[in-house]
PDB file of N, CA and C in Angstrom:
ATOM      1  N   MET A   1      26.857  -2.800  34.177  1.00  0.00           N
ATOM      2  CA  MET A   1      25.313  -3.471  34.126  1.00  0.00           C
ATOM      3  C   MET A   1      25.346  -4.754  33.646  1.00  0.00           C
ATOM      4  N   THR A   2      24.244  -5.431  34.161  1.00  0.00           N
ATOM      5  CA  THR A   2      23.887  -6.699  33.498  1.00  0.00           C
ATOM      6  C   THR A   2      22.580  -6.491  32.462  1.00  0.00           C
ATOM      7  N   ASN A   3      23.059  -6.060  31.269  1.00  0.00           N
ATOM      8  CA  ASN A   3      21.839  -5.846  30.234  1.00  0.00           C
ATOM      9  C   ASN A   3      21.374  -6.961  30.020  1.00  0.00           C
ATOM     10  N   ILE A   4      21.651  -8.190  30.377  1.00  0.00           N
ATOM     11  CA  ILE A   4      20.901  -9.521  30.076  1.00  0.00           C
ATOM     12  C   ILE A   4      19.672  -9.367  30.894  1.00  0.00           C
ATOM     13  N   LEU A   5      19.541  -8.848  32.025  1.00  0.00           N
ATOM     14  CA  LEU A   5      18.166  -8.919  32.844  1.00  0.00           C
ATOM     15  C   LEU A   5      17.592  -7.674  32.568  1.00  0.00           C
ATOM     16  N   ASP A   6      18.210  -6.565  31.720  1.00  0.00           N
ATOM     17  CA  ASP A   6      17.610  -5.384  31.670  1.00  0.00           C
ATOM     18  C   ASP A   6      17.212  -5.279  30.266  1.00  0.00           C
ATOM     19  N   THR A   7      17.162  -6.423  29.611  1.00  0.00           N
ATOM     20  CA  THR A   7      16.695  -6.377  28.226  1.00  0.00           C
ATOM     21  C   THR A   7      15.202  -6.100  28.054  1.00  0.00           C
ATOM     22  N   GLY A   8      14.418  -6.584  29.115  1.00  0.00           N
ATOM     23  CA  GLY A   8      13.035  -6.532  29.223  1.00  0.00           C
ATOM     24  C   GLY A   8      12.561  -5.157  29.528  1.00  0.00           C
ATOM     25  N   SER A   9      13.302  -4.641  30.097  1.00  0.00           N
ATOM     26  CA  SER A   9      12.865  -2.975  30.498  1.00  0.00           C
ATOM     27  C   SER A   9      13.612  -1.905  29.532  1.00  0.00           C
ATOM     28  N   PRO A  10      12.607  -1.250  28.704  1.00  0.00           N
ATOM     29  CA  PRO A  10      13.067  -0.290  27.793  1.00  0.00           C
ATOM     30  C   PRO A  10      13.722   0.927  28.374  1.00  0.00           C
ATOM     31  N   SER A  11      13.295   1.223  29.552  1.00  0.00           N
ATOM     32  CA  SER A  11      14.004   2.418  30.198  1.00  0.00           C
ATOM     33  C   SER A  11      15.710   2.075  30.680  1.00  0.00           C
ATOM     34  N   ARG A  12      15.566   0.801  31.170  1.00  0.00           N
ATOM     35  CA  ARG A  12      16.821   0.324  31.691  1.00  0.00           C
ATOM     36  C   ARG A  12      17.640   0.094  30.495  1.00  0.00           C
ATOM     37  N   ASN A  13      17.140  -0.318  29.389  1.00  0.00           N
ATOM     38  CA  ASN A  13      17.953  -0.700  28.199  1.00  0.00           C
ATOM     39  C   ASN A  13      18.531   0.493  27.653  1.00  0.00           C
ATOM     40  N   ALA A  14      17.853   1.580  27.825  1.00  0.00           N
ATOM     41  CA  ALA A  14      18.675   2.800  27.195  1.00  0.00           C
ATOM     42  C   ALA A  14      19.710   3.154  28.245  1.00  0.00           C
ATOM     43  N   LEU A  15      19.367   2.970  29.432  1.00  0.00           N
ATOM     44  CA  LEU A  15      20.760   3.048  30.106  1.00  0.00           C
ATOM     45  C   LEU A  15      21.896   2.157  29.938  1.00  0.00           C
ATOM     46  N   VAL A  16      21.562   1.016  29.772  1.00  0.00           N
ATOM     47  CA  VAL A  16      22.689   0.089  29.088  1.00  0.00           C
ATOM     48  C   VAL A  16      23.307   0.159  27.977  1.00  0.00           C
ATOM     49  N   SER A  17      22.331   0.679  26.886  1.00  0.00           N
ATOM     50  CA  SER A  17      22.857   0.965  25.785  1.00  0.00           C
ATOM     51  C   SER A  17      23.487   2.517  25.874  1.00  0.00           C
TER      52      SER A  17
END
């Protein structure tokens, strides 16, 4: 996943992390 684009979304950030 591209965490660069998902950094603004806390919910998606949890998936990337």
